[in-house]
Amino acid sequence: MSIRTYHFVSPDKCQPDLIELFRRFYGPTMNAFEAAEKNGKVEELHAQLLELAPAQNISNGGGSSIPATFLRVTVSL
């Protein structure tokens, strides 16, 4: 088990564009929007992501670089 960080990097996409790509193609974000839709909270989720993305962006030269820390668990059978 180890803690890792993956960087979602897109040198040519701003954060709102990256959020839209995630909304369409990245499973966890797709699932979040699907759940928000069922609860009538799509706009609230979208607004929160638009607020969060610039706060997490570490890119200095435009575009986006957003780190995501995750726990990697490897199971051997």
N, C-alpha and C. Protein backbone atom coordinates (compact mmCIF):
# COMPACT_ATOMS: atom_id res chain seq x y z
N MET A 1 0.86 -1.16 0.00
CA MET A 1 0.00 0.00 0.00
C MET A 1 0.91 1.23 0.00
N SER A 2 0.58 2.18 -0.86
CA SER A 2 1.37 3.41 -0.91
C SER A 2 0.50 4.58 -1.37
N ILE A 3 0.89 5.75 -0.92
CA ILE A 3 0.19 6.97 -1.34
C ILE A 3 0.90 7.51 -2.57
N ARG A 4 0.14 7.79 -3.60
CA ARG A 4 0.69 8.29 -4.86
C ARG A 4 -0.05 9.56 -5.26
N THR A 5 0.57 10.31 -6.15
CA THR A 5 -0.07 11.49 -6.72
C THR A 5 0.01 11.42 -8.23
N TYR A 6 -1.13 11.57 -8.87
CA TYR A 6 -1.20 11.64 -10.32
C TYR A 6 -1.53 13.08 -10.68
N HIS A 7 -0.89 13.61 -11.72
CA HIS A 7 -1.18 14.97 -12.16
C HIS A 7 -1.98 14.92 -13.45
N PHE A 8 -3.18 15.50 -13.40
CA PHE A 8 -3.97 15.67 -14.61
C PHE A 8 -3.41 16.92 -15.29
N VAL A 9 -2.70 16.72 -16.41
CA VAL A 9 -2.01 17.82 -17.07
C VAL A 9 -2.58 18.02 -18.47
N SER A 10 -2.89 19.26 -18.76
CA SER A 10 -3.31 19.65 -20.09
C SER A 10 -2.76 21.05 -20.35
N PRO A 11 -1.68 21.14 -21.12
CA PRO A 11 -1.06 22.44 -21.33
C PRO A 11 -1.92 23.43 -22.13
N ASP A 12 -2.91 22.92 -22.85
CA ASP A 12 -3.70 23.80 -23.71
C ASP A 12 -5.16 23.93 -23.29
N LYS A 13 -5.54 23.33 -22.17
CA LYS A 13 -6.94 23.41 -21.73
C LYS A 13 -7.03 24.16 -20.40
N CYS A 14 -7.98 25.08 -20.34
CA CYS A 14 -8.25 25.77 -19.09
C CYS A 14 -9.09 24.84 -18.20
N GLN A 15 -9.25 25.19 -16.95
CA GLN A 15 -9.96 24.31 -16.02
C GLN A 15 -11.41 24.03 -16.42
N PRO A 16 -12.19 25.02 -16.87
CA PRO A 16 -13.56 24.69 -17.29
C PRO A 16 -13.60 23.68 -18.44
N ASP A 17 -12.67 23.78 -19.37
CA ASP A 17 -12.62 22.81 -20.48
C ASP A 17 -12.24 21.43 -19.96
N LEU A 18 -11.31 21.38 -19.02
CA LEU A 18 -10.89 20.11 -18.44
C LEU A 18 -12.05 19.46 -17.68
N ILE A 19 -12.81 20.26 -16.96
CA ILE A 19 -13.98 19.73 -16.24
C ILE A 19 -14.98 19.13 -17.21
N GLU A 20 -15.20 19.78 -18.33
CA GLU A 20 -16.12 19.24 -19.33
C GLU A 20 -15.61 17.94 -19.92
N LEU A 21 -14.31 17.83 -20.15
CA LEU A 21 -13.74 16.56 -20.63
C LEU A 21 -13.94 15.46 -19.59
N PHE A 22 -13.68 15.78 -18.33
CA PHE A 22 -13.87 14.81 -17.26
C PHE A 22 -15.34 14.40 -17.18
N ARG A 23 -16.22 15.36 -17.32
CA ARG A 23 -17.66 15.09 -17.25
C ARG A 23 -18.10 14.10 -18.33
N ARG A 24 -17.46 14.16 -19.47
CA ARG A 24 -17.83 13.30 -20.61
C ARG A 24 -17.09 11.97 -20.64
N PHE A 25 -15.82 11.93 -20.12
CA PHE A 25 -15.00 10.76 -20.37
C PHE A 25 -14.33 10.12 -19.15
N TYR A 26 -14.32 10.77 -17.99
CA TYR A 26 -13.63 10.24 -16.82
C TYR A 26 -14.64 9.65 -15.85
N GLY A 27 -14.58 8.33 -15.66
CA GLY A 27 -15.58 7.59 -14.90
C GLY A 27 -16.01 8.20 -13.58
N PRO A 28 -15.10 8.53 -12.67
CA PRO A 28 -15.55 9.08 -11.38
C PRO A 28 -16.33 10.39 -11.53
N THR A 29 -15.90 11.23 -12.45
CA THR A 29 -16.63 12.50 -12.66
C THR A 29 -17.96 12.24 -13.33
N MET A 30 -17.98 11.31 -14.28
CA MET A 30 -19.24 10.94 -14.92
C MET A 30 -20.24 10.44 -13.87
N ASN A 31 -19.75 9.59 -12.96
CA ASN A 31 -20.62 9.05 -11.91
C ASN A 31 -21.13 10.15 -10.97
N ALA A 32 -20.26 11.09 -10.65
CA ALA A 32 -20.67 12.19 -9.78
C ALA A 32 -21.77 13.01 -10.42
N PHE A 33 -21.62 13.31 -11.72
CA PHE A 33 -22.66 14.09 -12.40
C PHE A 33 -23.95 13.29 -12.55
N GLU A 34 -23.84 11.98 -12.76
CA GLU A 34 -25.04 11.15 -12.84
C GLU A 34 -25.80 11.17 -11.52
N ALA A 35 -25.08 11.03 -10.41
CA ALA A 35 -25.72 11.08 -9.10
C ALA A 35 -26.31 12.46 -8.83
N ALA A 36 -25.58 13.51 -9.20
CA ALA A 36 -26.08 14.87 -8.99
C ALA A 36 -27.34 15.12 -9.81
N GLU A 37 -27.39 14.54 -11.00
CA GLU A 37 -28.58 14.71 -11.84
C GLU A 37 -29.80 14.08 -11.18
N LYS A 38 -29.61 12.92 -10.59
CA LYS A 38 -30.72 12.23 -9.92
C LYS A 38 -31.24 13.03 -8.74
N ASN A 39 -30.36 13.83 -8.13
CA ASN A 39 -30.75 14.63 -6.97
C ASN A 39 -31.00 16.09 -7.28
N GLY A 40 -30.99 16.44 -8.57
CA GLY A 40 -31.24 17.82 -8.96
C GLY A 40 -30.14 18.78 -8.54
N LYS A 41 -28.90 18.30 -8.49
CA LYS A 41 -27.80 19.13 -8.00
C LYS A 41 -26.66 19.28 -9.01
N VAL A 42 -26.97 19.14 -10.29
CA VAL A 42 -25.93 19.24 -11.33
C VAL A 42 -25.28 20.62 -11.31
N GLU A 43 -26.07 21.65 -11.25
CA GLU A 43 -25.52 23.01 -11.27
C GLU A 43 -24.64 23.27 -10.05
N GLU A 44 -25.06 22.76 -8.90
CA GLU A 44 -24.27 22.93 -7.68
C GLU A 44 -22.92 22.22 -7.80
N LEU A 45 -22.94 20.99 -8.30
CA LEU A 45 -21.69 20.24 -8.49
C LEU A 45 -20.78 20.95 -9.49
N HIS A 46 -21.34 21.38 -10.59
CA HIS A 46 -20.55 22.08 -11.61
C HIS A 46 -19.92 23.35 -11.04
N ALA A 47 -20.69 24.11 -10.28
CA ALA A 47 -20.19 25.34 -9.67
C ALA A 47 -19.06 25.03 -8.68
N GLN A 48 -19.21 23.97 -7.91
CA GLN A 48 -18.17 23.59 -6.95
C GLN A 48 -16.89 23.18 -7.66
N LEU A 49 -17.01 22.44 -8.75
CA LEU A 49 -15.82 22.04 -9.51
C LEU A 49 -15.14 23.24 -10.16
N LEU A 50 -15.95 24.19 -10.65
CA LEU A 50 -15.38 25.40 -11.24
C LEU A 50 -14.63 26.23 -10.20
N GLU A 51 -15.08 26.17 -8.96
CA GLU A 51 -14.41 26.88 -7.87
C GLU A 51 -13.15 26.13 -7.41
N LEU A 52 -13.25 24.82 -7.37
CA LEU A 52 -12.15 23.99 -6.88
C LEU A 52 -10.97 23.93 -7.86
N ALA A 53 -11.25 23.81 -9.14
CA ALA A 53 -10.19 23.60 -10.14
C ALA A 53 -9.11 24.68 -10.11
N PRO A 54 -9.44 25.97 -10.16
CA PRO A 54 -8.37 26.97 -10.11
C PRO A 54 -7.60 26.96 -8.79
N ALA A 55 -8.28 26.60 -7.72
CA ALA A 55 -7.62 26.56 -6.42
C ALA A 55 -6.59 25.43 -6.35
N GLN A 56 -6.80 24.36 -7.13
CA GLN A 56 -5.90 23.21 -7.13
C GLN A 56 -4.89 23.23 -8.28
N ASN A 57 -5.11 24.10 -9.25
CA ASN A 57 -4.23 24.15 -10.42
C ASN A 57 -2.85 24.67 -10.04
N ILE A 58 -1.81 23.90 -10.38
CA ILE A 58 -0.45 24.32 -10.06
C ILE A 58 0.34 24.69 -11.31
N SER A 59 -0.34 24.83 -12.43
CA SER A 59 0.32 25.21 -13.68
C SER A 59 0.73 26.68 -13.61
N ASN A 60 1.94 26.96 -14.05
CA ASN A 60 2.43 28.34 -14.06
C ASN A 60 2.31 29.00 -15.43
N GLY A 61 2.22 28.20 -16.48
CA GLY A 61 2.26 28.77 -17.81
C GLY A 61 0.98 28.66 -18.58
N GLY A 62 -0.15 28.77 -17.92
CA GLY A 62 -1.42 28.57 -18.60
C GLY A 62 -1.76 27.09 -18.61
N GLY A 63 -2.91 26.76 -19.11
CA GLY A 63 -3.32 25.36 -19.10
C GLY A 63 -3.64 24.89 -17.70
N SER A 64 -3.58 23.57 -17.52
CA SER A 64 -3.97 22.99 -16.25
C SER A 64 -2.99 21.90 -15.83
N SER A 65 -2.70 21.86 -14.55
CA SER A 65 -1.97 20.77 -13.93
C SER A 65 -2.55 20.63 -12.53
N ILE A 66 -3.39 19.61 -12.36
CA ILE A 66 -4.11 19.43 -11.11
C ILE A 66 -3.70 18.09 -10.49
N PRO A 67 -3.06 18.12 -9.31
CA PRO A 67 -2.64 16.88 -8.67
C PRO A 67 -3.82 16.18 -8.00
N ALA A 68 -3.76 14.85 -8.04
CA ALA A 68 -4.78 14.03 -7.38
C ALA A 68 -4.06 12.95 -6.59
N THR A 69 -4.17 12.99 -5.29
CA THR A 69 -3.53 11.99 -4.43
C THR A 69 -4.47 10.82 -4.24
N PHE A 70 -3.90 9.62 -4.34
CA PHE A 70 -4.71 8.43 -4.19
C PHE A 70 -3.93 7.36 -3.44
N LEU A 71 -4.62 6.39 -2.94
CA LEU A 71 -4.01 5.28 -2.23
C LEU A 71 -3.93 4.10 -3.18
N ARG A 72 -2.72 3.63 -3.42
CA ARG A 72 -2.53 2.47 -4.30
C ARG A 72 -2.42 1.23 -3.43
N VAL A 73 -3.30 0.28 -3.68
CA VAL A 73 -3.31 -0.98 -2.94
C VAL A 73 -3.08 -2.10 -3.95
N THR A 74 -2.10 -2.93 -3.67
CA THR A 74 -1.79 -4.06 -4.53
C THR A 74 -2.08 -5.33 -3.75
N VAL A 75 -2.84 -6.22 -4.34
CA VAL A 75 -3.21 -7.47 -3.70
C VAL A 75 -2.57 -8.62 -4.49
N SER A 76 -1.89 -9.48 -3.80
CA SER A 76 -1.31 -10.67 -4.42
C SER A 76 -2.10 -11.89 -3.95
N LEU A 77 -2.44 -12.71 -4.90
CA LEU A 77 -3.20 -13.93 -4.56
C LEU A 77 -2.34 -15.14 -4.77
